[in-house]
């Protein structure tokens, strides 16, 4: 496989995983890439270091602006659970 093909495959995997990862963290994808980068950096500051120093409520509050409104979040998570129960082999 050529390097260009490998790079395209990796980029596609990353792009496809952005939304599911954000949803799994209880976040929504922001409308711009700059805001998405800000969100990703805020998440990294919380989980990127084994024992982050200086993580205060300000860090957590920074992520709040990326959380979907309560009604939207309830729909988002119920849809995800429904799709899991529809998978073959699920017991739900």
Foldseek 3Di string as FASTA:
>chain_A
DDPVVVVVVVVVVVVVCLQVVQLVVQFGQDPDPVVNVVLVVLVCQVPVDPDRPPDDVVSVVSRVVRHDPPVVNVVVVVVVVVVVCPDPPHPD
